[in-house]
Amino acid sequence: MTRVLTGLAAVGAILVAAAAPSAAPPAPRRHVVEIRGMAFHPAVLTVERGDTVEWINRDIVPHTATAAAGPAWTTGALVQGRSGRHLAGEPGEQRYFCELHPTMEGRLVVR
């Protein structure tokens, strides 16, 4: 009888462990890219799907952060001190640039 109860207790523990919820995915994060010195800092940013990327213009001239290809997105023109956001979507790598200064480029890597 003791063996049966011990066996039933072990089976019960296994079932409880199997039914326990798995760890929740990490909460979405906010990442900041500064636009200063006519460049994006950091130039390459790796984020998780669902994270928010915020570009803040620290230069005295307006800038944008605009997708070069793939799903279209843009911050629109950002004057000094203003910011624009983008919600990271499908995994992959996407190049972006400033529409006003096309030599300014950055990369967003979504995992």
Foldseek 3Di string as FASTA:
>chain_A
DVVVVVVVVVVVVVVVVVPDDDDDPDDAEEAEWECPPNETVPQEEEGEQFHKYKYAYQDQAWWKWWWPDDDTDIQPTDHHGDMGMDGHHDADKTKTATPVDRVHIGMYGYD
